[in-house]
Amino acid sequence: MFISSAFAQTAPAAAAGGDMQSSLMGMLPLVLMFVVLWFVMIRPQMKKAKEHKAMVESLTKGDEVVTGGGMLGRVSKLGESYISLEIANGVEIQVQRVAVAQVLPKGTLK
């Protein structure tokens, strides 16, 4: 009753190939946005995570470090997933290895 008879007609066969090309052109901006997102956000984040993992794995006894919470200390004991930091004379705390944010140059802590 309200539906036009034009909706019942099928598309001509010659226009079918053009629809495929227009749908690919419609997806092009989405693909380009993903490529830009990859190079601007995802790739640098993966590189930074890889560098942090290498730094945490290379920790040795005596290294001076800063934790993610801002605690400064000297590594006194190393475990598989935890390290002990000497934050003052005779005061040691245990933190996770991944909590180490930065390794300081030797002699930074007095």
PDB file of N, CA and C in Angstrom:
ATOM      1  N   MET A   1       0.814  -1.169   0.000  1.00  0.00           N
ATOM      2  CA  MET A   1       0.000   0.000   0.000  1.00  0.00           C
ATOM      3  C   MET A   1       0.872   1.254   0.000  1.00  0.00           C
ATOM      4  N   PHE A   2       1.810   1.339   0.969  1.00  0.00           N
ATOM      5  CA  PHE A   2       2.693   2.508   1.024  1.00  0.00           C
ATOM      6  C   PHE A   2       4.028   2.275   0.329  1.00  0.00           C
ATOM      7  N   ILE A   3       4.322   1.036  -0.059  1.00  0.00           N
ATOM      8  CA  ILE A   3       5.604   0.691  -0.663  1.00  0.00           C
ATOM      9  C   ILE A   3       5.535   0.933  -2.162  1.00  0.00           C
ATOM     10  N   SER A   4       6.470   1.635  -2.674  1.00  0.00           N
ATOM     11  CA  SER A   4       6.521   1.948  -4.098  1.00  0.00           C
ATOM     12  C   SER A   4       6.949   0.716  -4.879  1.00  0.00           C
ATOM     13  N   SER A   5       6.532   0.596  -6.082  1.00  0.00           N
ATOM     14  CA  SER A   5       6.903  -0.552  -6.909  1.00  0.00           C
ATOM     15  C   SER A   5       8.368  -0.491  -7.332  1.00  0.00           C
ATOM     16  N   ALA A   6       9.031   0.631  -7.175  1.00  0.00           N
ATOM     17  CA  ALA A   6      10.435   0.768  -7.558  1.00  0.00           C
ATOM     18  C   ALA A   6      11.346  -0.059  -6.658  1.00  0.00           C
ATOM     19  N   PHE A   7      10.939  -0.324  -5.415  1.00  0.00           N
ATOM     20  CA  PHE A   7      11.764  -1.126  -4.518  1.00  0.00           C
ATOM     21  C   PHE A   7      11.807  -2.580  -4.940  1.00  0.00           C
ATOM     22  N   ALA A   8      10.831  -3.031  -5.676  1.00  0.00           N
ATOM     23  CA  ALA A   8      10.780  -4.424  -6.088  1.00  0.00           C
ATOM     24  C   ALA A   8      11.686  -4.697  -7.274  1.00  0.00           C
ATOM     25  N   GLN A   9      12.137  -3.697  -7.969  1.00  0.00           N
ATOM     26  CA  GLN A   9      12.976  -3.894  -9.142  1.00  0.00           C
ATOM     27  C   GLN A   9      14.404  -4.212  -8.715  1.00  0.00           C
ATOM     28  N   THR A  10      15.085  -5.013  -9.476  1.00  0.00           N
ATOM     29  CA  THR A  10      16.481  -5.357  -9.180  1.00  0.00           C
ATOM     30  C   THR A  10      17.409  -4.383  -9.872  1.00  0.00           C
ATOM     31  N   ALA A  11      18.638  -4.306  -9.383  1.00  0.00           N
ATOM     32  CA  ALA A  11      19.628  -3.416  -9.980  1.00  0.00           C
ATOM     33  C   ALA A  11      20.110  -4.015 -11.289  1.00  0.00           C
ATOM     34  N   PRO A  12      20.419  -3.190 -12.263  1.00  0.00           N
ATOM     35  CA  PRO A  12      20.938  -3.702 -13.535  1.00  0.00           C
ATOM     36  C   PRO A  12      22.285  -4.391 -13.329  1.00  0.00           C
ATOM     37  N   ALA A  13      22.603  -5.379 -14.131  1.00  0.00           N
ATOM     38  CA  ALA A  13      23.836  -6.170 -13.991  1.00  0.00           C
ATOM     39  C   ALA A  13      25.079  -5.326 -14.208  1.00  0.00           C
ATOM     40  N   ALA A  14      25.032  -4.321 -15.045  1.00  0.00           N
ATOM     41  CA  ALA A  14      26.210  -3.493 -15.336  1.00  0.00           C
ATOM     42  C   ALA A  14      26.610  -2.662 -14.131  1.00  0.00           C
ATOM     43  N   ALA A  15      25.671  -2.296 -13.280  1.00  0.00           N
ATOM     44  CA  ALA A  15      25.972  -1.461 -12.115  1.00  0.00           C
ATOM     45  C   ALA A  15      26.549  -2.270 -10.973  1.00  0.00           C
ATOM     46  N   ALA A  16      26.498  -3.601 -11.016  1.00  0.00           N
ATOM     47  CA  ALA A  16      26.992  -4.441  -9.920  1.00  0.00           C
ATOM     48  C   ALA A  16      28.499  -4.263  -9.722  1.00  0.00           C
ATOM     49  N   GLY A  17      29.277  -4.160 -10.784  1.00  0.00           N
ATOM     50  CA  GLY A  17      30.720  -3.951 -10.662  1.00  0.00           C
ATOM     51  C   GLY A  17      31.040  -2.593 -10.083  1.00  0.00           C
ATOM     52  N   GLY A  18      30.271  -1.595 -10.403  1.00  0.00           N
ATOM     53  CA  GLY A  18      30.473  -0.252  -9.866  1.00  0.00           C
ATOM     54  C   GLY A  18      30.187  -0.178  -8.380  1.00  0.00           C
ATOM     55  N   ASP A  19      29.257  -0.989  -7.898  1.00  0.00           N
ATOM     56  CA  ASP A  19      28.951  -1.022  -6.465  1.00  0.00           C
ATOM     57  C   ASP A  19      30.131  -1.557  -5.671  1.00  0.00           C
ATOM     58  N   MET A  20      30.825  -2.536  -6.228  1.00  0.00           N
ATOM     59  CA  MET A  20      31.986  -3.116  -5.558  1.00  0.00           C
ATOM     60  C   MET A  20      33.089  -2.072  -5.420  1.00  0.00           C
ATOM     61  N   GLN A  21      33.312  -1.327  -6.476  1.00  0.00           N
ATOM     62  CA  GLN A  21      34.345  -0.300  -6.454  1.00  0.00           C
ATOM     63  C   GLN A  21      33.967   0.831  -5.489  1.00  0.00           C
ATOM     64  N   SER A  22      32.724   1.216  -5.448  1.00  0.00           N
ATOM     65  CA  SER A  22      32.323   2.289  -4.547  1.00  0.00           C
ATOM     66  C   SER A  22      32.382   1.844  -3.091  1.00  0.00           C
ATOM     67  N   SER A  23      32.119   0.555  -2.808  1.00  0.00           N
ATOM     68  CA  SER A  23      32.225   0.081  -1.427  1.00  0.00           C
ATOM     69  C   SER A  23      33.685   0.041  -0.979  1.00  0.00           C
ATOM     70  N   LEU A  24      34.597  -0.292  -1.905  1.00  0.00           N
ATOM     71  CA  LEU A  24      36.027  -0.259  -1.566  1.00  0.00           C
ATOM     72  C   LEU A  24      36.493   1.175  -1.317  1.00  0.00           C
ATOM     73  N   MET A  25      35.997   2.103  -2.117  1.00  0.00           N
ATOM     74  CA  MET A  25      36.359   3.515  -1.922  1.00  0.00           C
ATOM     75  C   MET A  25      35.776   4.039  -0.606  1.00  0.00           C
ATOM     76  N   GLY A  26      34.636   3.503  -0.208  1.00  0.00           N
ATOM     77  CA  GLY A  26      34.034   3.902   1.060  1.00  0.00           C
ATOM     78  C   GLY A  26      34.835   3.400   2.251  1.00  0.00           C
ATOM     79  N   MET A  27      35.525   2.264   2.080  1.00  0.00           N
ATOM     80  CA  MET A  27      36.338   1.709   3.167  1.00  0.00           C
ATOM     81  C   MET A  27      37.720   2.340   3.241  1.00  0.00           C
ATOM     82  N   LEU A  28      38.147   3.017   2.200  1.00  0.00           N
ATOM     83  CA  LEU A  28      39.488   3.607   2.148  1.00  0.00           C
ATOM     84  C   LEU A  28      39.769   4.562   3.307  1.00  0.00           C
ATOM     85  N   PRO A  29      38.865   5.480   3.657  1.00  0.00           N
ATOM     86  CA  PRO A  29      39.155   6.358   4.797  1.00  0.00           C
ATOM     87  C   PRO A  29      39.321   5.594   6.115  1.00  0.00           C
ATOM     88  N   LEU A  30      38.553   4.539   6.301  1.00  0.00           N
ATOM     89  CA  LEU A  30      38.670   3.726   7.516  1.00  0.00           C
ATOM     90  C   LEU A  30      40.039   3.045   7.579  1.00  0.00           C
ATOM     91  N   VAL A  31      40.486   2.506   6.455  1.00  0.00           N
ATOM     92  CA  VAL A  31      41.797   1.853   6.396  1.00  0.00           C
ATOM     93  C   VAL A  31      42.907   2.875   6.632  1.00  0.00           C
ATOM     94  N   LEU A  32      42.789   4.033   6.037  1.00  0.00           N
ATOM     95  CA  LEU A  32      43.795   5.080   6.234  1.00  0.00           C
ATOM     96  C   LEU A  32      43.855   5.542   7.688  1.00  0.00           C
ATOM     97  N   MET A  33      42.694   5.665   8.336  1.00  0.00           N
ATOM     98  CA  MET A  33      42.684   6.059   9.753  1.00  0.00           C
ATOM     99  C   MET A  33      43.370   5.013  10.611  1.00  0.00           C
ATOM    100  N   PHE A  34      43.160   3.721  10.310  1.00  0.00           N
ATOM    101  CA  PHE A  34      43.822   2.662  11.064  1.00  0.00           C
ATOM    102  C   PHE A  34      45.332   2.713  10.877  1.00  0.00           C
ATOM    103  N   VAL A  35      45.788   2.958   9.653  1.00  0.00           N
ATOM    104  CA  VAL A  35      47.235   3.038   9.387  1.00  0.00           C
ATOM    105  C   VAL A  35      47.852   4.203  10.155  1.00  0.00           C
ATOM    106  N   VAL A  36      47.196   5.342  10.159  1.00  0.00           N
ATOM    107  CA  VAL A  36      47.696   6.501  10.904  1.00  0.00           C
ATOM    108  C   VAL A  36      47.707   6.196  12.397  1.00  0.00           C
ATOM    109  N   LEU A  37      46.644   5.576  12.906  1.00  0.00           N
ATOM    110  CA  LEU A  37      46.572   5.201  14.319  1.00  0.00           C
ATOM    111  C   LEU A  37      47.713   4.260  14.679  1.00  0.00           C
ATOM    112  N   TRP A  38      48.020   3.324  13.801  1.00  0.00           N
ATOM    113  CA  TRP A  38      49.099   2.363  14.048  1.00  0.00           C
ATOM    114  C   TRP A  38      50.439   3.086  14.213  1.00  0.00           C
ATOM    115  N   PHE A  39      50.752   3.990  13.292  1.00  0.00           N
ATOM    116  CA  PHE A  39      52.059   4.645  13.335  1.00  0.00           C
ATOM    117  C   PHE A  39      52.143   5.744  14.384  1.00  0.00           C
ATOM    118  N   VAL A  40      51.019   6.330  14.777  1.00  0.00           N
ATOM    119  CA  VAL A  40      51.050   7.431  15.738  1.00  0.00           C
ATOM    120  C   VAL A  40      50.916   6.941  17.176  1.00  0.00           C
ATOM    121  N   MET A  41      50.121   5.900  17.419  1.00  0.00           N
ATOM    122  CA  MET A  41      49.849   5.483  18.794  1.00  0.00           C
ATOM    123  C   MET A  41      50.334   4.081  19.138  1.00  0.00           C
ATOM    124  N   ILE A  42      49.951   3.102  18.365  1.00  0.00           N
ATOM    125  CA  ILE A  42      50.191   1.711  18.748  1.00  0.00           C
ATOM    126  C   ILE A  42      51.660   1.334  18.654  1.00  0.00           C
ATOM    127  N   ARG A  43      52.311   1.661  17.559  1.00  0.00           N
ATOM    128  CA  ARG A  43      53.715   1.285  17.361  1.00  0.00           C
ATOM    129  C   ARG A  43      54.646   1.920  18.406  1.00  0.00           C
ATOM    130  N   PRO A  44      54.536   3.238  18.693  1.00  0.00           N
ATOM    131  CA  PRO A  44      55.407   3.806  19.734  1.00  0.00           C
ATOM    132  C   PRO A  44      55.151   3.206  21.117  1.00  0.00           C
ATOM    133  N   GLN A  45      53.896   2.874  21.420  1.00  0.00           N
ATOM    134  CA  GLN A  45      53.581   2.283  22.711  1.00  0.00           C
ATOM    135  C   GLN A  45      54.214   0.900  22.830  1.00  0.00           C
ATOM    136  N   MET A  46      54.181   0.118  21.765  1.00  0.00           N
ATOM    137  CA  MET A  46      54.813  -1.201  21.784  1.00  0.00           C
ATOM    138  C   MET A  46      56.323  -1.078  21.930  1.00  0.00           C
ATOM    139  N   LYS A  47      56.921  -0.088  21.276  1.00  0.00           N
ATOM    140  CA  LYS A  47      58.368   0.123  21.366  1.00  0.00           C
ATOM    141  C   LYS A  47      58.765   0.505  22.789  1.00  0.00           C
ATOM    142  N   LYS A  48      57.977   1.376  23.418  1.00  0.00           N
ATOM    143  CA  LYS A  48      58.272   1.800  24.785  1.00  0.00           C
ATOM    144  C   LYS A  48      58.132   0.632  25.762  1.00  0.00           C
ATOM    145  N   ALA A  49      57.126  -0.205  25.568  1.00  0.00           N
ATOM    146  CA  ALA A  49      56.937  -1.377  26.434  1.00  0.00           C
ATOM    147  C   ALA A  49      58.108  -2.354  26.282  1.00  0.00           C
ATOM    148  N   LYS A  50      58.600  -2.511  25.081  1.00  0.00           N
ATOM    149  CA  LYS A  50      59.741  -3.395  24.825  1.00  0.00           C
ATOM    150  C   LYS A  50      61.003  -2.861  25.515  1.00  0.00           C
ATOM    151  N   GLU A  51      61.220  -1.542  25.452  1.00  0.00           N
ATOM    152  CA  GLU A  51      62.382  -0.941  26.115  1.00  0.00           C
ATOM    153  C   GLU A  51      62.280  -1.083  27.633  1.00  0.00           C
ATOM    154  N   HIS A  52      61.078  -0.909  28.202  1.00  0.00           N
ATOM    155  CA  HIS A  52      60.883  -1.034  29.649  1.00  0.00           C
ATOM    156  C   HIS A  52      61.153  -2.469  30.093  1.00  0.00           C
ATOM    157  N   LYS A  53      60.684  -3.438  29.314  1.00  0.00           N
ATOM    158  CA  LYS A  53      60.913  -4.843  29.642  1.00  0.00           C
ATOM    159  C   LYS A  53      62.404  -5.162  29.643  1.00  0.00           C
ATOM    160  N   ALA A  54      63.136  -4.653  28.656  1.00  0.00           N
ATOM    161  CA  ALA A  54      64.584  -4.884  28.593  1.00  0.00           C
ATOM    162  C   ALA A  54      65.287  -4.239  29.785  1.00  0.00           C
ATOM    163  N   MET A  55      64.843  -3.028  30.186  1.00  0.00           N
ATOM    164  CA  MET A  55      65.448  -2.352  31.325  1.00  0.00           C
ATOM    165  C   MET A  55      65.207  -3.135  32.610  1.00  0.00           C
ATOM    166  N   VAL A  56      63.999  -3.636  32.805  1.00  0.00           N
ATOM    167  CA  VAL A  56      63.665  -4.390  34.018  1.00  0.00           C
ATOM    168  C   VAL A  56      64.447  -5.701  34.070  1.00  0.00           C
ATOM    169  N   GLU A  57      64.610  -6.346  32.925  1.00  0.00           N
ATOM    170  CA  GLU A  57      65.347  -7.605  32.898  1.00  0.00           C
ATOM    171  C   GLU A  57      66.842  -7.407  33.131  1.00  0.00           C
ATOM    172  N   SER A  58      67.361  -6.214  32.841  1.00  0.00           N
ATOM    173  CA  SER A  58      68.799  -5.982  32.977  1.00  0.00           C
ATOM    174  C   SER A  58      69.182  -5.405  34.343  1.00  0.00           C
ATOM    175  N   LEU A  59      68.233  -5.329  35.273  1.00  0.00           N
ATOM    176  CA  LEU A  59      68.553  -4.806  36.607  1.00  0.00           C
ATOM    177  C   LEU A  59      69.575  -5.703  37.299  1.00  0.00           C
ATOM    178  N   THR A  60      70.521  -5.082  37.981  1.00  0.00           N
ATOM    179  CA  THR A  60      71.518  -5.825  38.749  1.00  0.00           C
ATOM    180  C   THR A  60      71.588  -5.249  40.159  1.00  0.00           C
ATOM    181  N   LYS A  61      72.189  -6.009  41.053  1.00  0.00           N
ATOM    182  CA  LYS A  61      72.362  -5.563  42.433  1.00  0.00           C
ATOM    183  C   LYS A  61      73.245  -4.315  42.454  1.00  0.00           C
ATOM    184  N   GLY A  62      72.804  -3.298  43.185  1.00  0.00           N
ATOM    185  CA  GLY A  62      73.554  -2.061  43.278  1.00  0.00           C
ATOM    186  C   GLY A  62      73.044  -0.958  42.364  1.00  0.00           C
ATOM    187  N   ASP A  63      72.152  -1.285  41.445  1.00  0.00           N
ATOM    188  CA  ASP A  63      71.568  -0.258  40.573  1.00  0.00           C
ATOM    189  C   ASP A  63      70.719   0.707  41.395  1.00  0.00           C
ATOM    190  N   GLU A  64      70.765   1.967  41.026  1.00  0.00           N
ATOM    191  CA  GLU A  64      69.946   2.990  41.679  1.00  0.00           C
ATOM    192  C   GLU A  64      68.745   3.246  40.780  1.00  0.00           C
ATOM    193  N   VAL A  65      67.533   3.123  41.364  1.00  0.00           N
ATOM    194  CA  VAL A  65      66.318   3.163  40.559  1.00  0.00           C
ATOM    195  C   VAL A  65      65.269   4.095  41.172  1.00  0.00           C
ATOM    196  N   VAL A  66      64.299   4.443  40.327  1.00  0.00           N
ATOM    197  CA  VAL A  66      63.110   5.187  40.750  1.00  0.00           C
ATOM    198  C   VAL A  66      61.922   4.292  40.426  1.00  0.00           C
ATOM    199  N   THR A  67      61.018   4.114  41.402  1.00  0.00           N
ATOM    200  CA  THR A  67      59.825   3.307  41.152  1.00  0.00           C
ATOM    201  C   THR A  67      58.729   4.179  40.554  1.00  0.00           C
ATOM    202  N   GLY A  68      57.664   3.535  40.119  1.00  0.00           N
ATOM    203  CA  GLY A  68      56.526   4.251  39.564  1.00  0.00           C
ATOM    204  C   GLY A  68      55.874   5.179  40.574  1.00  0.00           C
ATOM    205  N   GLY A  69      55.994   4.867  41.853  1.00  0.00           N
ATOM    206  CA  GLY A  69      55.428   5.704  42.912  1.00  0.00           C
ATOM    207  C   GLY A  69      56.347   6.830  43.348  1.00  0.00           C
ATOM    208  N   GLY A  70      57.550   6.896  42.784  1.00  0.00           N
ATOM    209  CA  GLY A  70      58.466   7.980  43.101  1.00  0.00           C
ATOM    210  C   GLY A  70      59.503   7.642  44.162  1.00  0.00           C
ATOM    211  N   MET A  71      59.545   6.403  44.631  1.00  0.00           N
ATOM    212  CA  MET A  71      60.535   6.002  45.634  1.00  0.00           C
ATOM    213  C   MET A  71      61.889   5.817  44.960  1.00  0.00           C
ATOM    214  N   LEU A  72      62.930   6.379  45.604  1.00  0.00           N
ATOM    215  CA  LEU A  72      64.299   6.210  45.123  1.00  0.00           C
ATOM    216  C   LEU A  72      64.982   5.188  46.011  1.00  0.00           C
ATOM    217  N   GLY A  73      65.756   4.309  45.404  1.00  0.00           N
ATOM    218  CA  GLY A  73      66.451   3.312  46.201  1.00  0.00           C
ATOM    219  C   GLY A  73      67.509   2.589  45.407  1.00  0.00           C
ATOM    220  N   ARG A  74      68.259   1.786  46.143  1.00  0.00           N
ATOM    221  CA  ARG A  74      69.341   0.984  45.558  1.00  0.00           C
ATOM    222  C   ARG A  74      68.904  -0.480  45.623  1.00  0.00           C
ATOM    223  N   VAL A  75      69.048  -1.204  44.539  1.00  0.00           N
ATOM    224  CA  VAL A  75      68.657  -2.614  44.499  1.00  0.00           C
ATOM    225  C   VAL A  75      69.591  -3.414  45.390  1.00  0.00           C
ATOM    226  N   SER A  76      69.005  -4.136  46.374  1.00  0.00           N
ATOM    227  CA  SER A  76      69.819  -4.941  47.280  1.00  0.00           C
ATOM    228  C   SER A  76      69.643  -6.437  47.041  1.00  0.00           C
ATOM    229  N   LYS A  77      68.454  -6.851  46.611  1.00  0.00           N
ATOM    230  CA  LYS A  77      68.201  -8.263  46.301  1.00  0.00           C
ATOM    231  C   LYS A  77      67.333  -8.344  45.061  1.00  0.00           C
ATOM    232  N   LEU A  78      67.594  -9.366  44.257  1.00  0.00           N
ATOM    233  CA  LEU A  78      66.816  -9.576  43.036  1.00  0.00           C
ATOM    234  C   LEU A  78      66.083 -10.907  43.120  1.00  0.00           C
ATOM    235  N   GLY A  79      64.812 -10.890  42.792  1.00  0.00           N
ATOM    236  CA  GLY A  79      64.017 -12.107  42.678  1.00  0.00           C
ATOM    237  C   GLY A  79      63.459 -12.192  41.275  1.00  0.00           C
ATOM    238  N   GLU A  80      62.643 -13.222  41.051  1.00  0.00           N
ATOM    239  CA  GLU A  80      62.064 -13.378  39.724  1.00  0.00           C
ATOM    240  C   GLU A  80      61.099 -12.260  39.391  1.00  0.00           C
ATOM    241  N   SER A  81      60.199 -11.961  40.325  1.00  0.00           N
ATOM    242  CA  SER A  81      59.204 -10.920  40.047  1.00  0.00           C
ATOM    243  C   SER A  81      59.263  -9.770  41.048  1.00  0.00           C
ATOM    244  N   TYR A  82      60.075  -9.891  42.102  1.00  0.00           N
ATOM    245  CA  TYR A  82      60.203  -8.834  43.108  1.00  0.00           C
ATOM    246  C   TYR A  82      61.671  -8.471  43.299  1.00  0.00           C
ATOM    247  N   ILE A  83      61.906  -7.231  43.696  1.00  0.00           N
ATOM    248  CA  ILE A  83      63.256  -6.800  44.068  1.00  0.00           C
ATOM    249  C   ILE A  83      63.171  -6.110  45.417  1.00  0.00           C
ATOM    250  N   SER A  84      64.266  -6.112  46.134  1.00  0.00           N
ATOM    251  CA  SER A  84      64.345  -5.380  47.400  1.00  0.00           C
ATOM    252  C   SER A  84      65.135  -4.113  47.154  1.00  0.00           C
ATOM    253  N   LEU A  85      64.564  -3.001  47.602  1.00  0.00           N
ATOM    254  CA  LEU A  85      65.223  -1.705  47.470  1.00  0.00           C
ATOM    255  C   LEU A  85      65.617  -1.200  48.839  1.00  0.00           C
ATOM    256  N   GLU A  86      66.849  -0.732  48.954  1.00  0.00           N
ATOM    257  CA  GLU A  86      67.288  -0.073  50.176  1.00  0.00           C
ATOM    258  C   GLU A  86      67.041   1.415  49.972  1.00  0.00           C
ATOM    259  N   ILE A  87      66.052   1.945  50.730  1.00  0.00           N
ATOM    260  CA  ILE A  87      65.677   3.347  50.548  1.00  0.00           C
ATOM    261  C   ILE A  87      66.359   4.247  51.567  1.00  0.00           C
ATOM    262  N   ALA A  88      66.906   3.667  52.616  1.00  0.00           N
ATOM    263  CA  ALA A  88      67.703   4.378  53.628  1.00  0.00           C
ATOM    264  C   ALA A  88      68.584   3.331  54.291  1.00  0.00           C
ATOM    265  N   ASN A  89      69.516   3.763  55.114  1.00  0.00           N
ATOM    266  CA  ASN A  89      70.398   2.807  55.792  1.00  0.00           C
ATOM    267  C   ASN A  89      69.571   1.876  56.667  1.00  0.00           C
ATOM    268  N   GLY A  90      69.613   0.586  56.336  1.00  0.00           N
ATOM    269  CA  GLY A  90      68.893  -0.411  57.115  1.00  0.00           C
ATOM    270  C   GLY A  90      67.403  -0.504  56.827  1.00  0.00           C
ATOM    271  N   VAL A  91      66.895   0.262  55.883  1.00  0.00           N
ATOM    272  CA  VAL A  91      65.469   0.217  55.543  1.00  0.00           C
ATOM    273  C   VAL A  91      65.319  -0.344  54.130  1.00  0.00           C
ATOM    274  N   GLU A  92      64.677  -1.520  54.049  1.00  0.00           N
ATOM    275  CA  GLU A  92      64.469  -2.160  52.755  1.00  0.00           C
ATOM    276  C   GLU A  92      62.985  -2.351  52.516  1.00  0.00           C
ATOM    277  N   ILE A  93      62.592  -2.177  51.271  1.00  0.00           N
ATOM    278  CA  ILE A  93      61.216  -2.454  50.864  1.00  0.00           C
ATOM    279  C   ILE A  93      61.251  -3.406  49.681  1.00  0.00           C
ATOM    280  N   GLN A  94      60.164  -4.139  49.515  1.00  0.00           N
ATOM    281  CA  GLN A  94      60.052  -5.039  48.370  1.00  0.00           C
ATOM    282  C   GLN A  94      59.058  -4.443  47.396  1.00  0.00           C
ATOM    283  N   VAL A  95      59.441  -4.403  46.134  1.00  0.00           N
ATOM    284  CA  VAL A  95      58.554  -3.912  45.075  1.00  0.00           C
ATOM    285  C   VAL A  95      58.599  -4.888  43.897  1.00  0.00           C
ATOM    286  N   GLN A  96      57.588  -4.828  43.078  1.00  0.00           N
ATOM    287  CA  GLN A  96      57.589  -5.640  41.868  1.00  0.00           C
ATOM    288  C   GLN A  96      58.612  -5.077  40.892  1.00  0.00           C
ATOM    289  N   ARG A  97      59.194  -5.953  40.107  1.00  0.00           N
ATOM    290  CA  ARG A  97      60.179  -5.509  39.113  1.00  0.00           C
ATOM    291  C   ARG A  97      59.574  -4.510  38.133  1.00  0.00           C
ATOM    292  N   VAL A  98      58.317  -4.744  37.732  1.00  0.00           N
ATOM    293  CA  VAL A  98      57.692  -3.873  36.736  1.00  0.00           C
ATOM    294  C   VAL A  98      57.387  -2.489  37.293  1.00  0.00           C
ATOM    295  N   ALA A  99      57.494  -2.305  38.623  1.00  0.00           N
ATOM    296  CA  ALA A  99      57.244  -0.998  39.226  1.00  0.00           C
ATOM    297  C   ALA A  99      58.429  -0.053  39.039  1.00  0.00           C
ATOM    298  N   VAL A 100      59.566  -0.582  38.598  1.00  0.00           N
ATOM    299  CA  VAL A 100      60.742   0.264  38.369  1.00  0.00           C
ATOM    300  C   VAL A 100      60.490   1.093  37.112  1.00  0.00           C
ATOM    301  N   ALA A 101      60.548   2.412  37.279  1.00  0.00           N
ATOM    302  CA  ALA A 101      60.272   3.309  36.161  1.00  0.00           C
ATOM    303  C   ALA A 101      61.540   3.764  35.451  1.00  0.00           C
ATOM    304  N   GLN A 102      62.635   3.875  36.204  1.00  0.00           N
ATOM    305  CA  GLN A 102      63.851   4.422  35.608  1.00  0.00           C
ATOM    306  C   GLN A 102      65.064   3.944  36.382  1.00  0.00           C
ATOM    307  N   VAL A 103      66.154   3.691  35.675  1.00  0.00           N
ATOM    308  CA  VAL A 103      67.437   3.379  36.302  1.00  0.00           C
ATOM    309  C   VAL A 103      68.250   4.663  36.271  1.00  0.00           C
ATOM    310  N   LEU A 104      68.719   5.070  37.442  1.00  0.00           N
ATOM    311  CA  LEU A 104      69.484   6.310  37.566  1.00  0.00           C
ATOM    312  C   LEU A 104      70.970   6.047  37.325  1.00  0.00           C
ATOM    313  N   PRO A 105      71.728   7.066  36.939  1.00  0.00           N
ATOM    314  CA  PRO A 105      73.182   6.899  36.812  1.00  0.00           C
ATOM    315  C   PRO A 105      73.811   6.592  38.174  1.00  0.00           C
ATOM    316  N   LYS A 106      74.873   5.825  38.151  1.00  0.00           N
ATOM    317  CA  LYS A 106      75.567   5.460  39.399  1.00  0.00           C
ATOM    318  C   LYS A 106      76.009   6.725  40.123  1.00  0.00           C
ATOM    319  N   GLY A 107      75.859   6.716  41.440  1.00  0.00           N
ATOM    320  CA  GLY A 107      76.286   7.850  42.259  1.00  0.00           C
ATOM    321  C   GLY A 107      75.227   8.932  42.424  1.00  0.00           C
ATOM    322  N   THR A 108      74.032   8.718  41.903  1.00  0.00           N
ATOM    323  CA  THR A 108      72.972   9.711  42.047  1.00  0.00           C
ATOM    324  C   THR A 108      72.509   9.785  43.486  1.00  0.00           C
ATOM    325  N   LEU A 109      72.346   8.623  44.127  1.00  0.00           N
ATOM    326  CA  LEU A 109      71.918   8.586  45.542  1.00  0.00           C
ATOM    327  C   LEU A 109      73.147   8.723  46.424  1.00  0.00           C
ATOM    328  N   LYS A 110      73.022   9.488  47.463  1.00  0.00           N
ATOM    329  CA  LYS A 110      74.145   9.659  48.405  1.00  0.00           C
ATOM    330  C   LYS A 110      73.901   8.866  49.650  1.00  0.00           C
TER     331      LYS A 110
END
